[in-house]
């Protein structure tokens, strides 16, 4: 079994390509899973902003696994 990612480059060809893939899926030749975008909305961080965020995280308090579980009431 092999997993691949397909990017349909032409909006005009999208329906044709999807219909071919769906036909293969109906014949149990492929399994299709539509990928959702996993990015956060808003403007991207600048390199400086990102570095500042990492610095703050590194300087903040850390919790052990047991402390975190207790804090979350688990």
C-alpha atoms as a PDB file:
ATOM      1  CA  UNK A   1       0.000   0.000   0.000  1.00  0.00           C
ATOM      2  CA  UNK A   2       1.228   3.490  -0.815  1.00  0.00           C
ATOM      3  CA  UNK A   3      -0.021   6.910   0.267  1.00  0.00           C
ATOM      4  CA  UNK A   4       0.246   9.834  -2.129  1.00  0.00           C
ATOM      5  CA  UNK A   5      -0.946  13.423  -2.127  1.00  0.00           C
ATOM      6  CA  UNK A   6      -2.539  14.821  -5.275  1.00  0.00           C
ATOM      7  CA  UNK A   7      -2.699  18.539  -6.003  1.00  0.00           C
ATOM      8  CA  UNK A   8      -5.169  19.343  -8.772  1.00  0.00           C
ATOM      9  CA  UNK A   9      -3.558  22.262 -10.550  1.00  0.00           C
ATOM     10  CA  UNK A  10      -6.371  23.279 -12.860  1.00  0.00           C
ATOM     11  CA  UNK A  11      -9.816  24.239 -11.581  1.00  0.00           C
ATOM     12  CA  UNK A  12     -11.180  23.255 -14.990  1.00  0.00           C
ATOM     13  CA  UNK A  13      -9.942  19.656 -14.562  1.00  0.00           C
ATOM     14  CA  UNK A  14     -10.953  19.228 -10.909  1.00  0.00           C
ATOM     15  CA  UNK A  15     -14.325  17.575 -11.530  1.00  0.00           C
ATOM     16  CA  UNK A  16     -12.900  15.157 -14.130  1.00  0.00           C
ATOM     17  CA  UNK A  17     -10.017  14.108 -11.892  1.00  0.00           C
ATOM     18  CA  UNK A  18     -12.248  13.711  -8.845  1.00  0.00           C
ATOM     19  CA  UNK A  19     -14.752  11.621 -10.805  1.00  0.00           C
ATOM     20  CA  UNK A  20     -11.982   9.254 -11.940  1.00  0.00           C
ATOM     21  CA  UNK A  21     -10.695   8.945  -8.373  1.00  0.00           C
ATOM     22  CA  UNK A  22     -14.219   8.376  -7.021  1.00  0.00           C
ATOM     23  CA  UNK A  23     -14.754   5.635  -9.602  1.00  0.00           C
ATOM     24  CA  UNK A  24     -11.607   3.905  -8.357  1.00  0.00           C
ATOM     25  CA  UNK A  25     -12.859   4.338  -4.791  1.00  0.00           C
ATOM     26  CA  UNK A  26     -16.183   2.680  -5.674  1.00  0.00           C
ATOM     27  CA  UNK A  27     -14.235  -0.271  -7.091  1.00  0.00           C
ATOM     28  CA  UNK A  28     -12.294  -0.496  -3.787  1.00  0.00           C
ATOM     29  CA  UNK A  29      -9.036   0.261  -5.581  1.00  0.00           C
ATOM     30  CA  UNK A  30      -8.269   3.432  -3.621  1.00  0.00           C
ATOM     31  CA  UNK A  31      -9.380   5.110  -0.426  1.00  0.00           C
ATOM     32  CA  UNK A  32      -9.869   8.865  -0.609  1.00  0.00           C
ATOM     33  CA  UNK A  33      -9.498  11.273   2.289  1.00  0.00           C
ATOM     34  CA  UNK A  34      -9.887  14.958   1.615  1.00  0.00           C
ATOM     35  CA  UNK A  35      -7.191  16.905   3.366  1.00  0.00           C
ATOM     36  CA  UNK A  36      -8.212  20.026   5.222  1.00  0.00           C
ATOM     37  CA  UNK A  37      -5.879  22.958   5.572  1.00  0.00           C
ATOM     38  CA  UNK A  38      -4.170  22.981   8.931  1.00  0.00           C
ATOM     39  CA  UNK A  39      -2.984  26.546   9.203  1.00  0.00           C
ATOM     40  CA  UNK A  40      -3.993  29.248  11.580  1.00  0.00           C
ATOM     41  CA  UNK A  41      -5.807  32.279  10.191  1.00  0.00           C
ATOM     42  CA  UNK A  42      -4.159  35.664  10.416  1.00  0.00           C
ATOM     43  CA  UNK A  43      -0.869  37.133   9.335  1.00  0.00           C
ATOM     44  CA  UNK A  44       2.238  34.971   9.611  1.00  0.00           C
ATOM     45  CA  UNK A  45       4.863  35.738  12.255  1.00  0.00           C
ATOM     46  CA  UNK A  46       7.985  37.575  11.231  1.00  0.00           C
ATOM     47  CA  UNK A  47      11.218  35.807  12.104  1.00  0.00           C
ATOM     48  CA  UNK A  48      11.730  38.257  14.978  1.00  0.00           C
ATOM     49  CA  UNK A  49       8.214  37.664  16.358  1.00  0.00           C
ATOM     50  CA  UNK A  50       8.710  33.924  16.124  1.00  0.00           C
ATOM     51  CA  UNK A  51      12.048  34.141  17.948  1.00  0.00           C
ATOM     52  CA  UNK A  52      10.436  36.215  20.708  1.00  0.00           C
ATOM     53  CA  UNK A  53       7.643  33.666  21.068  1.00  0.00           C
ATOM     54  CA  UNK A  54      10.140  30.812  21.369  1.00  0.00           C
ATOM     55  CA  UNK A  55      12.235  32.767  23.901  1.00  0.00           C
ATOM     56  CA  UNK A  56       9.168  33.422  26.081  1.00  0.00           C
ATOM     57  CA  UNK A  57       8.161  29.757  25.908  1.00  0.00           C
ATOM     58  CA  UNK A  58      11.660  28.615  26.890  1.00  0.00           C
ATOM     59  CA  UNK A  59      11.677  30.986  29.891  1.00  0.00           C
ATOM     60  CA  UNK A  60       8.188  30.113  31.133  1.00  0.00           C
ATOM     61  CA  UNK A  61       7.477  27.626  33.896  1.00  0.00           C
ATOM     62  CA  UNK A  62       7.464  23.951  32.996  1.00  0.00           C
ATOM     63  CA  UNK A  63       5.305  21.265  34.570  1.00  0.00           C
ATOM     64  CA  UNK A  64       5.988  17.606  35.192  1.00  0.00           C
ATOM     65  CA  UNK A  65       3.540  15.113  33.751  1.00  0.00           C
ATOM     66  CA  UNK A  66       1.989  14.556  37.190  1.00  0.00           C
ATOM     67  CA  UNK A  67       1.715  18.306  37.874  1.00  0.00           C
ATOM     68  CA  UNK A  68       0.022  18.847  34.513  1.00  0.00           C
ATOM     69  CA  UNK A  69      -2.459  16.039  35.150  1.00  0.00           C
ATOM     70  CA  UNK A  70      -3.280  17.475  38.589  1.00  0.00           C
ATOM     71  CA  UNK A  71      -3.629  20.985  37.148  1.00  0.00           C
ATOM     72  CA  UNK A  72      -6.069  19.701  34.507  1.00  0.00           C
ATOM     73  CA  UNK A  73      -7.949  17.590  37.023  1.00  0.00           C
ATOM     74  CA  UNK A  74      -7.168  14.306  35.312  1.00  0.00           C
END
